[in-house]
């Protein structure tokens, strides 16, 4: 795999993880069949994508990047789809998550 390919697959995992979170919210405690099925499908796809990424990027870096980006993306979905506006402390926390993901990927050693 090329240097950029694992990161492209990581973005796919983030998209699938974010979709799973949105579908889980819409499933209303897994009482609705279609959103529940979409949650399960997107989670399986997400985990498959992460398993491919972990062949090339260390597990800690992979998961830190995935979790941070998925949190940010899910927050954006919450704002647009569910009208859930974050407060000042949430925004500060999200900024710190973004900073942490950048430090892990740009300054951390991937051995």
N, C-alpha and C. Protein backbone atom coordinates (compact mmCIF):
# COMPACT_ATOMS: atom_id res chain seq x y z
N UNK A 1 0.85 -1.18 0.00
CA UNK A 1 0.00 0.00 0.00
C UNK A 1 0.89 1.24 0.00
N UNK A 2 0.48 2.25 -0.76
CA UNK A 2 1.23 3.50 -0.78
C UNK A 2 1.10 4.25 0.53
N UNK A 3 1.89 5.31 0.67
CA UNK A 3 1.87 6.08 1.91
C UNK A 3 0.53 6.73 2.19
N UNK A 4 -0.18 7.15 1.16
CA UNK A 4 -1.44 7.87 1.33
C UNK A 4 -2.64 6.93 1.46
N UNK A 5 -2.54 5.74 0.91
CA UNK A 5 -3.68 4.81 0.88
C UNK A 5 -4.24 4.50 2.26
N UNK A 6 -3.42 4.19 3.27
CA UNK A 6 -4.00 3.92 4.60
C UNK A 6 -4.79 5.11 5.14
N UNK A 7 -4.34 6.31 4.85
CA UNK A 7 -5.06 7.50 5.34
C UNK A 7 -6.38 7.70 4.60
N UNK A 8 -6.42 7.34 3.34
CA UNK A 8 -7.68 7.40 2.59
C UNK A 8 -8.67 6.39 3.18
N UNK A 9 -8.18 5.19 3.47
CA UNK A 9 -9.04 4.16 4.08
C UNK A 9 -9.45 4.59 5.49
N UNK A 10 -8.57 5.28 6.20
CA UNK A 10 -8.92 5.80 7.54
C UNK A 10 -10.07 6.81 7.43
N UNK A 11 -10.03 7.65 6.42
CA UNK A 11 -11.13 8.61 6.21
C UNK A 11 -12.43 7.86 5.90
N UNK A 12 -12.33 6.79 5.13
CA UNK A 12 -13.52 5.96 4.86
C UNK A 12 -14.06 5.39 6.17
N UNK A 13 -13.16 4.92 7.04
CA UNK A 13 -13.58 4.39 8.35
C UNK A 13 -14.26 5.48 9.17
N UNK A 14 -13.73 6.70 9.12
CA UNK A 14 -14.34 7.81 9.86
C UNK A 14 -15.73 8.10 9.32
N UNK A 15 -15.88 8.10 8.01
CA UNK A 15 -17.20 8.35 7.41
C UNK A 15 -18.18 7.26 7.84
N UNK A 16 -17.73 6.01 7.79
CA UNK A 16 -18.61 4.90 8.20
C UNK A 16 -18.92 4.96 9.69
N UNK A 17 -17.94 5.29 10.51
CA UNK A 17 -18.17 5.41 11.95
C UNK A 17 -19.13 6.54 12.28
N UNK A 18 -18.97 7.64 11.58
CA UNK A 18 -19.88 8.78 11.78
C UNK A 18 -21.28 8.43 11.33
N UNK A 19 -21.38 7.74 10.20
CA UNK A 19 -22.69 7.29 9.72
C UNK A 19 -23.34 6.35 10.74
N UNK A 20 -22.54 5.45 11.30
CA UNK A 20 -23.07 4.52 12.31
C UNK A 20 -23.62 5.27 13.51
N UNK A 21 -22.92 6.32 13.93
CA UNK A 21 -23.41 7.11 15.06
C UNK A 21 -24.71 7.82 14.73
N UNK A 22 -24.80 8.38 13.54
CA UNK A 22 -26.05 9.04 13.12
C UNK A 22 -27.21 8.07 13.01
N UNK A 23 -26.92 6.90 12.42
CA UNK A 23 -27.97 5.88 12.31
C UNK A 23 -28.40 5.39 13.69
N UNK A 24 -27.43 5.24 14.61
CA UNK A 24 -27.77 4.76 15.97
C UNK A 24 -28.72 5.74 16.65
N UNK A 25 -28.46 7.03 16.47
CA UNK A 25 -29.36 8.04 17.05
C UNK A 25 -30.76 7.91 16.44
N UNK A 26 -30.80 7.73 15.12
CA UNK A 26 -32.08 7.62 14.42
C UNK A 26 -32.80 6.31 14.72
N UNK A 27 -32.08 5.28 15.17
CA UNK A 27 -32.68 3.97 15.43
C UNK A 27 -33.52 3.97 16.70
N UNK A 28 -33.43 5.03 17.49
CA UNK A 28 -34.22 5.17 18.71
C UNK A 28 -34.14 3.93 19.60
N UNK A 29 -32.90 3.64 20.01
CA UNK A 29 -32.70 2.48 20.89
C UNK A 29 -32.88 1.17 20.17
N UNK A 30 -32.58 1.14 18.89
CA UNK A 30 -32.72 -0.04 18.04
C UNK A 30 -34.16 -0.55 17.98
N UNK A 31 -35.10 0.37 18.01
CA UNK A 31 -36.51 0.00 17.87
C UNK A 31 -37.00 0.16 16.44
N UNK A 32 -36.22 0.82 15.59
CA UNK A 32 -36.59 1.00 14.19
C UNK A 32 -35.67 0.15 13.32
N UNK A 33 -36.27 -0.68 12.45
CA UNK A 33 -35.52 -1.70 11.71
C UNK A 33 -34.48 -1.12 10.75
N UNK A 34 -34.85 -0.20 9.89
CA UNK A 34 -33.93 0.30 8.86
C UNK A 34 -32.73 1.03 9.48
N UNK A 35 -32.93 2.01 10.35
CA UNK A 35 -31.75 2.65 10.95
C UNK A 35 -30.91 1.67 11.77
N UNK A 36 -31.54 0.69 12.39
CA UNK A 36 -30.79 -0.30 13.16
C UNK A 36 -29.92 -1.15 12.25
N UNK A 37 -30.47 -1.58 11.13
CA UNK A 37 -29.70 -2.36 10.16
C UNK A 37 -28.57 -1.53 9.57
N UNK A 38 -28.84 -0.28 9.27
CA UNK A 38 -27.81 0.60 8.71
C UNK A 38 -26.70 0.85 9.73
N UNK A 39 -27.05 0.92 11.01
CA UNK A 39 -26.04 1.06 12.06
C UNK A 39 -25.11 -0.15 12.04
N UNK A 40 -25.69 -1.35 12.03
CA UNK A 40 -24.90 -2.57 12.05
C UNK A 40 -24.00 -2.68 10.82
N UNK A 41 -24.54 -2.39 9.66
CA UNK A 41 -23.77 -2.49 8.41
C UNK A 41 -22.61 -1.49 8.42
N UNK A 42 -22.90 -0.27 8.82
CA UNK A 42 -21.84 0.75 8.80
C UNK A 42 -20.77 0.47 9.86
N UNK A 43 -21.15 -0.10 11.00
CA UNK A 43 -20.15 -0.46 12.02
C UNK A 43 -19.23 -1.56 11.50
N UNK A 44 -19.79 -2.56 10.87
CA UNK A 44 -18.98 -3.65 10.33
C UNK A 44 -18.03 -3.11 9.26
N UNK A 45 -18.53 -2.27 8.37
CA UNK A 45 -17.67 -1.67 7.35
C UNK A 45 -16.57 -0.82 7.96
N UNK A 46 -16.91 -0.08 8.98
CA UNK A 46 -15.95 0.76 9.69
C UNK A 46 -14.84 -0.09 10.30
N UNK A 47 -15.19 -1.16 10.99
CA UNK A 47 -14.20 -2.02 11.63
C UNK A 47 -13.31 -2.72 10.59
N UNK A 48 -13.90 -3.09 9.47
CA UNK A 48 -13.12 -3.70 8.39
C UNK A 48 -12.09 -2.70 7.86
N UNK A 49 -12.54 -1.47 7.61
CA UNK A 49 -11.62 -0.44 7.12
C UNK A 49 -10.51 -0.20 8.14
N UNK A 50 -10.85 -0.11 9.42
CA UNK A 50 -9.81 0.09 10.44
C UNK A 50 -8.82 -1.07 10.48
N UNK A 51 -9.30 -2.28 10.28
CA UNK A 51 -8.38 -3.43 10.30
C UNK A 51 -7.39 -3.35 9.14
N UNK A 52 -7.80 -2.83 8.02
CA UNK A 52 -6.89 -2.64 6.88
C UNK A 52 -5.86 -1.56 7.21
N UNK A 53 -6.33 -0.46 7.78
CA UNK A 53 -5.43 0.64 8.13
C UNK A 53 -4.37 0.17 9.11
N UNK A 54 -4.76 -0.66 10.09
CA UNK A 54 -3.84 -1.09 11.13
C UNK A 54 -2.73 -1.99 10.61
N UNK A 55 -2.81 -2.44 9.36
CA UNK A 55 -1.71 -3.18 8.75
C UNK A 55 -0.52 -2.27 8.48
N UNK A 56 -0.78 -0.96 8.35
CA UNK A 56 0.27 -0.02 7.95
C UNK A 56 0.54 1.09 8.96
N UNK A 57 -0.44 1.41 9.78
CA UNK A 57 -0.29 2.48 10.76
C UNK A 57 -0.45 1.83 12.14
N UNK A 58 0.41 2.18 13.09
CA UNK A 58 0.29 1.57 14.42
C UNK A 58 -1.12 1.73 15.01
N UNK A 59 -1.52 0.74 15.78
CA UNK A 59 -2.88 0.70 16.32
C UNK A 59 -3.22 1.94 17.14
N UNK A 60 -2.29 2.42 17.95
CA UNK A 60 -2.57 3.59 18.77
C UNK A 60 -2.80 4.84 17.93
N UNK A 61 -1.98 5.03 16.92
CA UNK A 61 -2.12 6.19 16.03
C UNK A 61 -3.41 6.06 15.22
N UNK A 62 -3.68 4.85 14.74
CA UNK A 62 -4.91 4.62 13.96
C UNK A 62 -6.13 4.96 14.80
N UNK A 63 -6.19 4.40 16.01
CA UNK A 63 -7.39 4.59 16.80
C UNK A 63 -7.51 6.02 17.33
N UNK A 64 -6.39 6.63 17.69
CA UNK A 64 -6.44 8.03 18.15
C UNK A 64 -6.96 8.92 17.03
N UNK A 65 -6.46 8.70 15.83
CA UNK A 65 -6.90 9.50 14.68
C UNK A 65 -8.37 9.24 14.37
N UNK A 66 -8.73 7.96 14.34
CA UNK A 66 -10.12 7.59 14.05
C UNK A 66 -11.07 8.18 15.08
N UNK A 67 -10.76 7.98 16.35
CA UNK A 67 -11.66 8.44 17.40
C UNK A 67 -11.80 9.96 17.38
N UNK A 68 -10.69 10.66 17.28
CA UNK A 68 -10.75 12.12 17.26
C UNK A 68 -11.54 12.65 16.08
N UNK A 69 -11.23 12.13 14.89
CA UNK A 69 -11.94 12.61 13.70
C UNK A 69 -13.42 12.22 13.72
N UNK A 70 -13.71 11.04 14.25
CA UNK A 70 -15.10 10.59 14.33
C UNK A 70 -15.89 11.44 15.33
N UNK A 71 -15.26 11.83 16.42
CA UNK A 71 -15.93 12.70 17.40
C UNK A 71 -16.27 14.04 16.75
N UNK A 72 -15.31 14.61 16.05
CA UNK A 72 -15.54 15.90 15.39
C UNK A 72 -16.65 15.76 14.35
N UNK A 73 -16.54 14.74 13.50
CA UNK A 73 -17.54 14.55 12.43
C UNK A 73 -18.93 14.29 13.01
N UNK A 74 -19.00 13.50 14.07
CA UNK A 74 -20.29 13.21 14.70
C UNK A 74 -20.88 14.47 15.31
N UNK A 75 -20.04 15.33 15.86
CA UNK A 75 -20.53 16.60 16.39
C UNK A 75 -21.13 17.45 15.29
N UNK A 76 -20.47 17.47 14.13
CA UNK A 76 -20.99 18.24 12.98
C UNK A 76 -22.33 17.65 12.54
N UNK A 77 -22.43 16.33 12.49
CA UNK A 77 -23.71 15.69 12.13
C UNK A 77 -24.78 16.07 13.16
N UNK A 78 -24.42 16.07 14.42
CA UNK A 78 -25.37 16.45 15.48
C UNK A 78 -25.87 17.86 15.31
N UNK A 79 -24.99 18.76 14.88
CA UNK A 79 -25.38 20.15 14.67
C UNK A 79 -26.37 20.24 13.50
N UNK A 80 -26.02 19.62 12.38
CA UNK A 80 -26.83 19.77 11.17
C UNK A 80 -28.07 18.89 11.14
N UNK A 81 -27.93 17.65 11.59
CA UNK A 81 -29.07 16.71 11.48
C UNK A 81 -30.00 16.76 12.68
N UNK A 82 -29.43 16.94 13.88
CA UNK A 82 -30.23 16.84 15.09
C UNK A 82 -30.36 18.16 15.84
N UNK A 83 -29.82 19.23 15.26
CA UNK A 83 -29.91 20.58 15.85
C UNK A 83 -29.38 20.61 17.28
N UNK A 84 -28.23 19.94 17.50
CA UNK A 84 -27.61 19.88 18.82
C UNK A 84 -26.39 20.81 18.82
N UNK A 85 -26.57 21.99 19.38
CA UNK A 85 -25.50 22.99 19.37
C UNK A 85 -24.56 22.79 20.57
N UNK A 86 -23.24 22.66 20.31
CA UNK A 86 -22.30 22.52 21.42
C UNK A 86 -22.11 23.84 22.16
N UNK A 87 -21.84 23.75 23.46
CA UNK A 87 -21.57 24.96 24.24
C UNK A 87 -20.07 25.28 24.17
N UNK A 88 -19.67 26.34 24.86
CA UNK A 88 -18.28 26.80 24.81
C UNK A 88 -17.29 25.74 25.26
N UNK A 89 -17.62 25.01 26.34
CA UNK A 89 -16.70 24.00 26.84
C UNK A 89 -16.58 22.82 25.87
N UNK A 90 -17.66 22.49 25.22
CA UNK A 90 -17.62 21.42 24.21
C UNK A 90 -16.74 21.84 23.04
N UNK A 91 -16.90 23.06 22.60
CA UNK A 91 -16.07 23.57 21.49
C UNK A 91 -14.59 23.57 21.89
N UNK A 92 -14.30 23.98 23.12
CA UNK A 92 -12.92 23.95 23.61
C UNK A 92 -12.38 22.52 23.62
N UNK A 93 -13.17 21.60 24.11
CA UNK A 93 -12.76 20.19 24.13
C UNK A 93 -12.52 19.65 22.73
N UNK A 94 -13.39 20.00 21.79
CA UNK A 94 -13.22 19.56 20.41
C UNK A 94 -11.94 20.14 19.81
N UNK A 95 -11.64 21.40 20.13
CA UNK A 95 -10.41 22.01 19.67
C UNK A 95 -9.20 21.24 20.20
N UNK A 96 -9.26 20.84 21.47
CA UNK A 96 -8.16 20.07 22.06
C UNK A 96 -8.03 18.70 21.40
N UNK A 97 -9.15 18.09 21.04
CA UNK A 97 -9.10 16.80 20.33
C UNK A 97 -8.42 16.97 18.98
N UNK A 98 -8.81 18.01 18.23
CA UNK A 98 -8.20 18.27 16.93
C UNK A 98 -6.69 18.49 17.10
N UNK A 99 -6.31 19.26 18.11
CA UNK A 99 -4.90 19.51 18.38
C UNK A 99 -4.18 18.21 18.68
N UNK A 100 -4.78 17.37 19.49
CA UNK A 100 -4.17 16.08 19.83
C UNK A 100 -3.99 15.18 18.62
N UNK A 101 -5.00 15.11 17.76
CA UNK A 101 -4.90 14.29 16.54
C UNK A 101 -3.77 14.81 15.66
N UNK A 102 -3.65 16.12 15.54
CA UNK A 102 -2.59 16.70 14.72
C UNK A 102 -1.22 16.39 15.31
N UNK A 103 -1.07 16.48 16.64
CA UNK A 103 0.20 16.18 17.27
C UNK A 103 0.58 14.72 17.05
N UNK A 104 -0.39 13.81 17.25
CA UNK A 104 -0.13 12.39 17.06
C UNK A 104 0.34 12.09 15.63
N UNK A 105 -0.32 12.69 14.65
CA UNK A 105 -0.01 12.38 13.27
C UNK A 105 1.19 13.14 12.70
N UNK A 106 1.38 14.37 13.15
CA UNK A 106 2.45 15.17 12.56
C UNK A 106 3.77 15.09 13.35
N UNK A 107 3.69 14.92 14.64
CA UNK A 107 4.90 14.94 15.46
C UNK A 107 5.26 13.60 16.08
N UNK A 108 4.26 12.73 16.25
CA UNK A 108 4.51 11.43 16.87
C UNK A 108 5.26 10.50 15.94
N UNK A 109 6.01 9.58 16.52
CA UNK A 109 6.74 8.57 15.74
C UNK A 109 5.82 7.38 15.51
N UNK A 110 5.75 6.91 14.29
CA UNK A 110 4.87 5.80 13.90
C UNK A 110 5.65 4.51 13.77
N UNK A 111 6.27 4.06 14.85
CA UNK A 111 7.04 2.82 14.79
C UNK A 111 6.32 1.70 15.46
